[in-house]
Amino acid sequence: KSLKEMAKGISSDGRSFKFYVAYPEGRLDYGMTSVAAFLANAMTESIVYDTCDEFNVDMVTDRYPLSNSCGQNNRSYQDEVCTNSEEVDMSCPVDVNMEVVSSGYSTGMMGRAPPPFSCGPKAHSADYSGYWESKTGTSSKTAYSNARGRTDTEGCCFWGRGALLTRGVCDIGKLNYYLGKRAFTERGEGKFPTIDFCAFPEATCANEEGKEGTEEIKWITGLFEWVDRIQSYRDWDYIDNLKKFVDGRMKDDSFIDTVSSIITRGCHSPDCSLLEVTMREERKKNFMKVLDIFGLPEEIVPPTPSPIPKQTIPKPTTSSPVKSILPPSLSLTKPSSPISTPNSQNKEPTIQLVPTPNENIEDIPSQPVQPSTPTDTAMQTQPTAPTPTTITTVLPTKNKLIPVETNSSFLLASSWWIISLTTMYVLYY
């Protein structure tokens, strides 16, 4: 339902957020590849762990800092404000007094797992968030910093949520500006007019009463971020590169690698950021897995060669001599006596295929030619064309025959319809 709605597009503040499914182009392989790229990253971020909230994965010297809610992968979510000139006022304001607890553990985490993320103000200068010890399964409130040096969780309420784990004050702020309460308050629009994603970021995964958020919000949040950050990325044309990838038989990993870089680092080139592309190989494997489920790339069935037909040489006539249809390596010798009348000689004239010099053709049989016998005076005065006969010969081995390739459009069309029906179900039902 969410994909169907985003494929049609959601309009807000003059923009149309429309997930690319190659409509009305009619290229379902383009559309399915777009879906596969999105699902590959969603699988890596949240689906494979069956979670809506980001969970603690960054270890510092064998311990998990609880201040990782402020940011992981060397990021600081509350400092990631919007920098584009038309978006500078869209970032969520940071409320240091906000208190939020993640909606729960990931059901996909095996064994001992750190506690869910939380944020809250510091009660005093020595109020540390502490760490979680994986070996003992216990936590400590002693000072223990994350990769960015944070030892508290004040204002650190913008960890990832939803299908793509949308995180940071800019991306969550844009979600609220275009789809949330701010869109309704300022412009009378918005998909979720009663939800203030800035005042309550956990709304993607749970409501204020602690009840689980709807599946629609989780997926719309991820699809919105995909359209806003991937499809609308200015320095690398997503749709153009997707088409090149598909048209090139999907052999180049640079497409999914670039997409993964943009979603995790915010930019596409290798040296554009000091951040790492997290779980790069997992994203690539998931992408290929989804493509395989979709039956892409479509298998090309090689054409079946037709049987090699026998070469035939028709009986020569006055207007069409045999010599004109023989291969250059063969020549025609006339019979010893010309064919003037049926009774001129008792010998039957023959046509012999004689190899030219420098050719080595053995045992080319001669074929008898039966002259026409007139049955009445009219036939003598009005000659008729002789009944054609067929002379079969064996051509030299150097004259190779090339099999005619059959048209495989029927096989391709059959596979295409199978994929078409599958995608129509995925995209619209």
Protein backbone atom coordinates (compact mmCIF):
# COMPACT_ATOMS: atom_id res chain seq x y z
CA LYS A 1 0.00 0.00 0.00
CA SER A 2 2.77 2.46 0.91
CA LEU A 3 4.74 1.67 -2.25
CA LYS A 4 1.64 2.06 -4.37
CA GLU A 5 0.95 5.47 -2.82
CA MET A 6 4.54 6.66 -3.23
CA ALA A 7 4.62 5.39 -6.82
CA LYS A 8 1.68 7.68 -7.54
CA GLY A 9 3.42 10.48 -5.65
CA ILE A 10 2.78 12.68 -2.61
CA SER A 11 2.79 16.43 -3.24
CA SER A 12 3.85 18.97 -0.65
CA ASP A 13 5.10 22.57 -0.85
CA GLY A 14 5.23 22.42 -4.64
CA ARG A 15 7.27 19.22 -4.78
CA SER A 16 6.12 15.79 -5.85
CA PHE A 17 7.74 12.91 -3.99
CA LYS A 18 7.25 10.05 -6.42
CA PHE A 19 9.06 6.75 -6.11
CA TYR A 20 10.49 5.74 -9.48
CA VAL A 21 8.83 2.64 -10.99
CA ALA A 22 9.40 3.51 -14.67
CA TYR A 23 5.80 4.56 -15.23
CA PRO A 24 4.60 5.46 -17.86
CA GLU A 25 7.76 4.31 -19.67
CA GLY A 26 6.59 0.72 -19.46
CA ARG A 27 10.05 -0.63 -18.65
CA LEU A 28 9.27 -2.95 -15.78
CA ASP A 29 12.91 -4.02 -15.54
CA TYR A 30 13.76 -0.41 -14.67
CA GLY A 31 10.99 -0.27 -12.09
CA MET A 32 11.88 -3.58 -10.47
CA THR A 33 15.55 -2.61 -10.26
CA SER A 34 14.55 0.58 -8.45
CA VAL A 35 12.47 -1.44 -5.98
CA ALA A 36 15.36 -3.89 -5.55
CA ALA A 37 17.83 -1.11 -4.73
CA PHE A 38 15.49 0.30 -2.09
CA LEU A 39 14.72 -3.10 -0.55
CA ALA A 40 18.42 -4.06 -0.48
CA ASN A 41 19.20 -1.06 1.72
CA ALA A 42 16.06 -1.50 3.82
CA MET A 43 16.98 -5.15 4.38
CA THR A 44 20.46 -4.16 5.50
CA GLU A 45 19.30 -1.38 7.80
CA SER A 46 16.19 -2.81 9.44
CA ILE A 47 14.35 -5.72 7.80
CA VAL A 48 16.96 -8.40 8.44
CA TYR A 49 16.91 -7.46 12.14
CA ASP A 50 13.13 -7.03 12.33
CA THR A 51 13.49 -3.62 13.92
CA CYS A 52 12.04 -0.15 13.49
CA ASP A 53 14.56 1.62 15.75
CA GLU A 54 18.30 1.85 15.25
CA PHE A 55 20.15 -0.26 17.78
CA ASN A 56 23.57 -0.08 19.37
CA VAL A 57 26.24 -1.64 17.13
CA ASP A 58 29.35 0.54 17.50
CA MET A 59 31.81 -1.01 19.95
CA VAL A 60 34.61 0.99 21.58
CA THR A 61 37.30 -1.30 23.00
CA ASP A 62 34.90 -4.23 23.42
CA ARG A 63 32.16 -2.16 25.04
CA TYR A 64 29.03 -0.45 23.74
CA PRO A 65 28.80 3.21 24.79
CA LEU A 66 25.20 4.08 25.64
CA SER A 67 25.91 7.53 24.20
CA ASN A 68 25.80 5.92 20.75
CA SER A 69 22.24 7.24 20.59
CA CYS A 70 23.95 10.54 19.77
CA GLY A 71 25.41 9.00 16.62
CA GLN A 72 27.18 5.94 15.22
CA ASN A 73 29.64 5.41 12.38
CA ASN A 74 31.46 8.52 13.61
CA ARG A 75 28.35 10.68 13.18
CA SER A 76 26.60 13.20 15.42
CA TYR A 77 22.91 13.14 14.52
CA GLN A 78 21.92 16.30 16.35
CA ASP A 79 24.57 18.29 14.49
CA GLU A 80 23.57 17.12 10.99
CA VAL A 81 21.56 20.21 10.05
CA CYS A 82 20.28 20.97 6.56
CA THR A 83 22.80 23.05 4.60
CA ASN A 84 21.08 23.63 1.24
CA SER A 85 19.89 27.22 0.96
CA GLU A 86 16.25 26.22 0.40
CA GLU A 87 16.29 23.77 3.32
CA VAL A 88 18.17 25.57 6.09
CA ASP A 89 14.97 26.18 8.08
CA MET A 90 13.74 22.60 7.86
CA SER A 91 15.99 21.00 10.51
CA CYS A 92 14.42 19.97 13.79
CA PRO A 93 15.38 22.17 16.72
CA VAL A 94 17.33 20.31 19.39
CA ASP A 95 15.50 20.22 22.71
CA VAL A 96 18.00 19.31 25.44
CA ASN A 97 15.16 18.54 27.83
CA MET A 98 13.53 15.98 25.55
CA GLU A 99 13.31 12.45 26.94
CA VAL A 100 12.69 9.54 24.59
CA VAL A 101 13.20 5.81 24.91
CA SER A 102 13.42 3.52 21.91
CA SER A 103 10.28 1.42 21.39
CA GLY A 104 12.06 -1.86 22.09
CA TYR A 105 14.71 -4.41 21.33
CA SER A 106 15.31 -5.84 17.91
CA THR A 107 13.85 -9.33 17.60
CA GLY A 108 16.60 -10.10 15.10
CA MET A 109 19.47 -9.59 17.55
CA MET A 110 20.94 -12.87 18.74
CA GLY A 111 22.33 -13.44 22.21
CA ARG A 112 23.05 -10.59 24.59
CA ALA A 113 22.22 -7.20 23.10
CA PRO A 114 22.73 -3.67 24.43
CA PRO A 115 19.67 -1.89 25.85
CA PRO A 116 17.57 0.25 23.52
CA PHE A 117 18.61 3.81 22.80
CA SER A 118 17.40 6.64 25.00
CA CYS A 119 18.00 10.35 25.44
CA GLY A 120 17.56 12.79 28.29
CA PRO A 121 19.00 15.87 29.96
CA LYS A 122 22.00 15.77 32.26
CA ALA A 123 21.01 16.14 35.87
CA HIS A 124 24.52 17.28 36.86
CA SER A 125 28.00 17.40 35.40
CA ALA A 126 28.83 13.86 36.48
CA ASP A 127 25.66 12.38 35.03
CA TYR A 128 27.10 9.94 32.49
CA SER A 129 25.25 7.60 30.22
CA GLY A 130 27.86 4.85 30.73
CA TYR A 131 28.42 1.69 28.70
CA TRP A 132 27.14 -1.86 28.29
CA GLU A 133 29.45 -4.82 28.75
CA SER A 134 28.72 -7.63 26.27
CA LYS A 135 30.63 -10.31 28.20
CA THR A 136 28.67 -9.91 31.40
CA GLY A 137 25.49 -8.42 30.00
CA THR A 138 25.62 -5.56 32.50
CA SER A 139 25.84 -1.79 32.21
CA SER A 140 27.77 0.82 34.09
CA LYS A 141 27.12 4.54 34.61
CA THR A 142 30.77 5.50 34.60
CA ALA A 143 32.10 7.94 32.06
CA TYR A 144 32.58 6.15 28.76
CA SER A 145 32.64 8.05 25.49
CA ASN A 146 31.51 7.01 22.06
CA ALA A 147 33.61 7.48 18.88
CA ARG A 148 32.84 11.21 18.89
CA GLY A 149 33.67 11.74 22.58
CA ARG A 150 30.11 11.96 23.92
CA THR A 151 29.55 10.62 27.45
CA ASP A 152 25.91 11.76 27.82
CA THR A 153 22.69 11.61 25.79
CA GLU A 154 21.41 15.15 26.17
CA GLY A 155 19.60 16.18 22.98
CA CYS A 156 20.51 12.83 21.38
CA CYS A 157 16.99 11.81 20.37
CA PHE A 158 17.39 11.63 16.59
CA TRP A 159 18.67 8.10 16.02
CA GLY A 160 17.41 6.13 13.03
CA ARG A 161 13.83 4.95 12.62
CA GLY A 162 11.71 3.39 9.89
CA ALA A 163 12.54 1.15 6.93
CA LEU A 164 15.78 3.01 6.12
CA LEU A 165 16.43 4.17 9.71
CA THR A 166 15.93 7.83 8.85
CA ARG A 167 18.19 9.72 11.26
CA GLY A 168 19.52 13.19 12.03
CA VAL A 169 17.83 16.56 12.64
CA CYS A 170 17.84 17.42 8.92
CA ASP A 171 16.22 14.29 7.51
CA ILE A 172 13.70 13.98 10.35
CA GLY A 173 13.04 17.70 10.06
CA LYS A 174 12.30 17.42 6.33
CA LEU A 175 9.97 14.52 7.07
CA ASN A 176 8.04 16.79 9.43
CA TYR A 177 8.15 19.75 7.03
CA TYR A 178 6.76 17.88 4.03
CA LEU A 179 4.61 15.12 5.55
CA GLY A 180 4.11 15.90 9.24
CA LYS A 181 2.42 18.45 11.47
CA ARG A 182 4.45 21.38 10.20
CA ALA A 183 3.17 20.79 6.66
CA PHE A 184 -0.39 20.97 7.94
CA THR A 185 0.17 23.93 10.28
CA GLU A 186 1.93 26.10 7.67
CA ARG A 187 0.29 25.00 4.41
CA GLY A 188 -2.74 22.87 5.27
CA GLU A 189 -1.25 19.73 3.75
CA GLY A 190 0.78 16.74 4.84
CA LYS A 191 0.35 12.97 4.87
CA PHE A 192 0.48 12.82 8.69
CA PRO A 193 -0.98 16.17 9.81
CA THR A 194 -1.19 15.31 13.52
CA ILE A 195 2.32 13.91 13.97
CA ASP A 196 5.13 16.24 14.99
CA PHE A 197 8.21 14.21 14.10
CA CYS A 198 10.51 16.86 15.58
CA ALA A 199 8.77 17.07 18.96
CA PHE A 200 8.38 13.28 19.13
CA PRO A 201 10.85 11.51 16.78
CA GLU A 202 9.77 8.10 18.07
CA ALA A 203 6.41 8.58 16.34
CA THR A 204 7.70 6.58 13.35
CA CYS A 205 7.91 3.48 15.53
CA ALA A 206 5.50 4.13 18.40
CA ASN A 207 2.85 6.64 19.42
CA GLU A 208 2.92 8.77 22.56
CA GLU A 209 1.08 6.09 24.50
CA GLY A 210 3.87 3.65 23.77
CA LYS A 211 1.88 1.68 21.22
CA GLU A 212 3.66 0.45 18.11
CA GLY A 213 3.60 2.73 15.10
CA THR A 214 1.77 1.70 11.96
CA GLU A 215 3.46 -0.16 9.13
CA GLU A 216 2.41 2.64 6.81
CA ILE A 217 4.45 5.24 8.72
CA LYS A 218 7.51 2.98 8.80
CA TRP A 219 7.46 2.42 5.04
CA ILE A 220 6.39 5.90 3.98
CA THR A 221 9.23 7.32 6.08
CA GLY A 222 11.78 5.15 4.26
CA LEU A 223 10.32 5.69 0.79
CA PHE A 224 10.17 9.45 1.37
CA GLU A 225 13.84 9.54 2.36
CA TRP A 226 14.73 7.48 -0.72
CA VAL A 227 13.01 9.91 -3.06
CA ASP A 228 14.41 12.94 -1.27
CA ARG A 229 18.00 11.78 -0.82
CA ILE A 230 18.65 9.24 -3.61
CA GLN A 231 16.37 10.07 -6.52
CA SER A 232 16.80 13.82 -6.00
CA TYR A 233 20.57 13.69 -5.45
CA ARG A 234 22.05 16.43 -7.64
CA ASP A 235 25.62 15.33 -8.32
CA TRP A 236 24.79 11.84 -9.61
CA ASP A 237 21.66 11.11 -11.65
CA TYR A 238 20.03 8.10 -10.04
CA ILE A 239 17.51 7.30 -12.79
CA ASP A 240 20.00 7.77 -15.62
CA ASN A 241 22.55 5.50 -13.95
CA LEU A 242 19.88 2.94 -13.12
CA LYS A 243 18.94 2.71 -16.80
CA LYS A 244 22.59 2.33 -17.81
CA PHE A 245 22.98 -0.45 -15.25
CA VAL A 246 19.96 -2.35 -16.56
CA ASP A 247 20.83 -1.81 -20.23
CA GLY A 248 24.34 -3.08 -19.51
CA ARG A 249 22.93 -6.43 -18.33
CA MET A 250 23.44 -5.51 -14.65
CA LYS A 251 27.12 -6.43 -14.56
CA ASP A 252 28.53 -3.33 -12.88
CA ASP A 253 28.61 -3.08 -9.07
CA SER A 254 29.23 0.66 -9.17
CA PHE A 255 25.48 1.41 -9.29
CA ILE A 256 24.54 -0.22 -5.98
CA ASP A 257 27.85 0.85 -4.41
CA THR A 258 27.15 4.49 -5.27
CA VAL A 259 23.58 4.29 -3.99
CA SER A 260 24.85 2.75 -0.73
CA SER A 261 27.41 5.53 -0.39
CA ILE A 262 24.77 8.23 -0.74
CA ILE A 263 22.41 6.62 1.77
CA THR A 264 25.12 6.08 4.41
CA ARG A 265 27.56 8.95 3.79
CA GLY A 266 25.46 11.59 2.08
CA CYS A 267 27.65 11.74 -1.03
CA HIS A 268 28.70 9.51 -3.92
CA SER A 269 32.42 9.82 -4.69
CA PRO A 270 35.04 7.76 -2.82
CA ASP A 271 36.80 10.80 -1.34
CA CYS A 272 33.71 12.91 -0.58
CA SER A 273 33.55 11.98 3.10
CA LEU A 274 35.59 10.47 5.91
CA LEU A 275 32.64 8.27 6.84
CA GLU A 276 32.59 4.62 5.83
CA VAL A 277 29.93 2.85 3.80
CA THR A 278 28.60 0.56 6.50
CA MET A 279 27.84 -3.05 5.53
CA ARG A 280 28.75 -2.45 1.89
CA GLU A 281 28.94 -6.14 0.98
CA GLU A 282 25.65 -6.94 2.71
CA ARG A 283 23.90 -4.23 0.71
CA LYS A 284 25.36 -5.62 -2.51
CA LYS A 285 24.40 -9.22 -1.69
CA ASN A 286 20.86 -8.18 -0.74
CA PHE A 287 20.55 -6.25 -4.00
CA MET A 288 21.54 -9.28 -6.08
CA LYS A 289 19.24 -11.49 -4.00
CA VAL A 290 16.20 -9.31 -4.71
CA LEU A 291 17.09 -9.04 -8.40
CA ASP A 292 17.28 -12.82 -8.55
CA ILE A 293 13.85 -13.14 -6.92
CA PHE A 294 12.51 -10.73 -9.54
CA GLY A 295 14.08 -12.84 -12.28
CA LEU A 296 16.59 -10.16 -13.28
CA PRO A 297 18.58 -9.86 -15.36
CA GLU A 298 16.33 -11.68 -17.78
CA GLU A 299 17.98 -14.76 -19.23
CA ILE A 300 18.61 -14.58 -22.94
CA VAL A 301 17.90 -17.95 -24.58
CA PRO A 302 20.42 -18.60 -27.38
CA PRO A 303 18.82 -19.21 -30.78
CA THR A 304 18.46 -22.80 -31.98
CA PRO A 305 20.14 -23.32 -35.36
CA SER A 306 17.93 -24.58 -38.17
CA PRO A 307 18.88 -27.82 -39.99
CA ILE A 308 21.34 -27.22 -42.81
CA PRO A 309 19.37 -27.49 -46.08
CA LYS A 310 20.76 -29.44 -49.01
CA GLN A 311 22.08 -27.34 -51.82
CA THR A 312 20.28 -28.02 -55.10
CA ILE A 313 21.20 -27.03 -58.63
CA PRO A 314 18.34 -26.93 -61.15
CA LYS A 315 18.70 -28.31 -64.69
CA PRO A 316 20.17 -25.66 -66.97
CA THR A 317 18.12 -23.93 -69.60
CA THR A 318 19.09 -21.69 -72.48
CA SER A 319 18.10 -18.56 -70.53
CA SER A 320 19.63 -19.73 -67.27
CA PRO A 321 22.87 -21.69 -67.76
CA VAL A 322 24.16 -23.92 -65.02
CA LYS A 323 27.42 -22.07 -64.89
CA SER A 324 25.73 -18.93 -63.54
CA ILE A 325 24.55 -20.65 -60.36
CA LEU A 326 27.58 -22.75 -59.53
CA PRO A 327 30.22 -21.74 -57.02
CA PRO A 328 33.26 -20.02 -58.50
CA SER A 329 35.34 -23.14 -57.77
CA LEU A 330 33.27 -25.23 -60.20
CA SER A 331 32.88 -24.89 -63.97
CA LEU A 332 30.63 -26.49 -66.53
CA THR A 333 31.89 -28.56 -69.49
CA LYS A 334 29.69 -29.09 -72.47
CA PRO A 335 28.78 -32.60 -73.60
CA SER A 336 30.71 -34.06 -76.52
CA SER A 337 27.83 -33.47 -78.91
CA PRO A 338 25.39 -30.58 -78.87
CA ILE A 339 21.75 -31.30 -78.23
CA SER A 340 20.14 -30.38 -81.53
CA THR A 341 17.32 -32.89 -81.89
CA PRO A 342 16.21 -35.80 -79.86
CA ASN A 343 17.38 -38.24 -82.53
CA SER A 344 20.65 -36.66 -83.47
CA GLN A 345 22.59 -39.16 -81.40
CA ASN A 346 21.82 -42.16 -79.27
CA LYS A 347 24.13 -41.06 -76.54
CA GLU A 348 22.63 -39.24 -73.65
CA PRO A 349 24.28 -35.88 -73.10
CA THR A 350 25.71 -35.29 -69.66
CA ILE A 351 26.55 -32.31 -67.51
CA GLN A 352 29.79 -32.71 -65.63
CA LEU A 353 30.96 -30.63 -62.71
CA VAL A 354 34.69 -30.22 -63.14
CA PRO A 355 36.89 -28.60 -60.50
CA THR A 356 38.98 -25.71 -61.65
CA PRO A 357 42.74 -25.86 -61.34
CA ASN A 358 44.16 -25.78 -57.82
CA GLU A 359 40.98 -27.32 -56.39
CA ASN A 360 40.84 -30.90 -55.13
CA ILE A 361 37.29 -32.22 -55.44
CA GLU A 362 36.89 -35.94 -55.73
CA ASP A 363 34.21 -38.04 -57.30
CA ILE A 364 31.74 -35.41 -58.39
CA PRO A 365 29.11 -37.55 -60.13
CA SER A 366 27.72 -36.73 -63.51
CA GLN A 367 23.98 -36.49 -63.87
CA PRO A 368 22.15 -37.53 -67.04
CA VAL A 369 20.06 -34.96 -68.81
CA GLN A 370 16.94 -36.29 -70.47
CA PRO A 371 16.12 -34.29 -73.60
CA SER A 372 12.53 -33.40 -74.22
CA THR A 373 10.70 -35.60 -76.75
CA PRO A 374 7.98 -33.85 -78.75
CA THR A 375 4.72 -35.75 -79.02
CA ASP A 376 3.17 -33.88 -81.92
CA THR A 377 3.77 -31.26 -84.54
CA ALA A 378 2.70 -28.43 -82.29
CA MET A 379 5.28 -29.33 -79.74
CA GLN A 380 7.98 -29.42 -82.42
CA THR A 381 7.13 -25.93 -83.63
CA GLN A 382 6.44 -24.57 -80.13
CA PRO A 383 9.19 -25.88 -77.84
CA THR A 384 8.39 -26.08 -74.16
CA ALA A 385 10.68 -25.70 -71.18
CA PRO A 386 12.16 -28.99 -70.06
CA THR A 387 10.92 -30.58 -66.88
CA PRO A 388 13.32 -29.39 -64.20
CA THR A 389 15.47 -31.95 -62.46
CA THR A 390 17.60 -31.60 -59.39
CA ILE A 391 21.33 -32.17 -59.32
CA THR A 392 22.71 -32.56 -55.83
CA THR A 393 26.41 -31.91 -55.41
CA VAL A 394 28.88 -31.83 -52.57
CA LEU A 395 30.54 -28.45 -52.31
CA PRO A 396 34.17 -28.07 -51.27
CA THR A 397 34.78 -28.05 -47.56
CA LYS A 398 36.15 -24.53 -47.75
CA ASN A 399 32.70 -23.24 -48.72
CA LYS A 400 31.21 -23.16 -45.25
CA LEU A 401 27.52 -22.98 -44.51
CA ILE A 402 26.33 -20.58 -41.85
CA PRO A 403 23.28 -21.75 -39.87
CA VAL A 404 20.32 -19.40 -39.88
CA GLU A 405 19.50 -18.22 -36.39
CA THR A 406 15.88 -18.46 -35.34
CA ASN A 407 13.97 -15.63 -33.75
CA SER A 408 13.69 -16.09 -29.96
CA SER A 409 11.18 -13.28 -29.43
CA PHE A 410 8.49 -15.74 -28.34
CA LEU A 411 10.65 -17.10 -25.51
CA LEU A 412 11.63 -13.60 -24.41
CA ALA A 413 8.03 -12.43 -24.56
CA SER A 414 6.94 -15.32 -22.35
CA SER A 415 9.56 -14.51 -19.72
CA TRP A 416 8.66 -10.82 -19.97
CA TRP A 417 5.03 -11.46 -19.17
CA ILE A 418 5.96 -13.57 -16.16
CA ILE A 419 8.11 -10.71 -14.80
CA SER A 420 5.46 -8.16 -15.76
CA LEU A 421 2.75 -9.92 -13.79
CA THR A 422 5.08 -10.38 -10.81
CA THR A 423 5.99 -6.70 -10.74
CA MET A 424 2.45 -5.50 -11.30
CA TYR A 425 1.52 -7.51 -8.20
CA VAL A 426 4.44 -6.13 -6.17
CA LEU A 427 4.00 -2.53 -7.25
CA TYR A 428 0.24 -2.14 -7.30
CA TYR A 429 -1.29 -4.87 -5.15
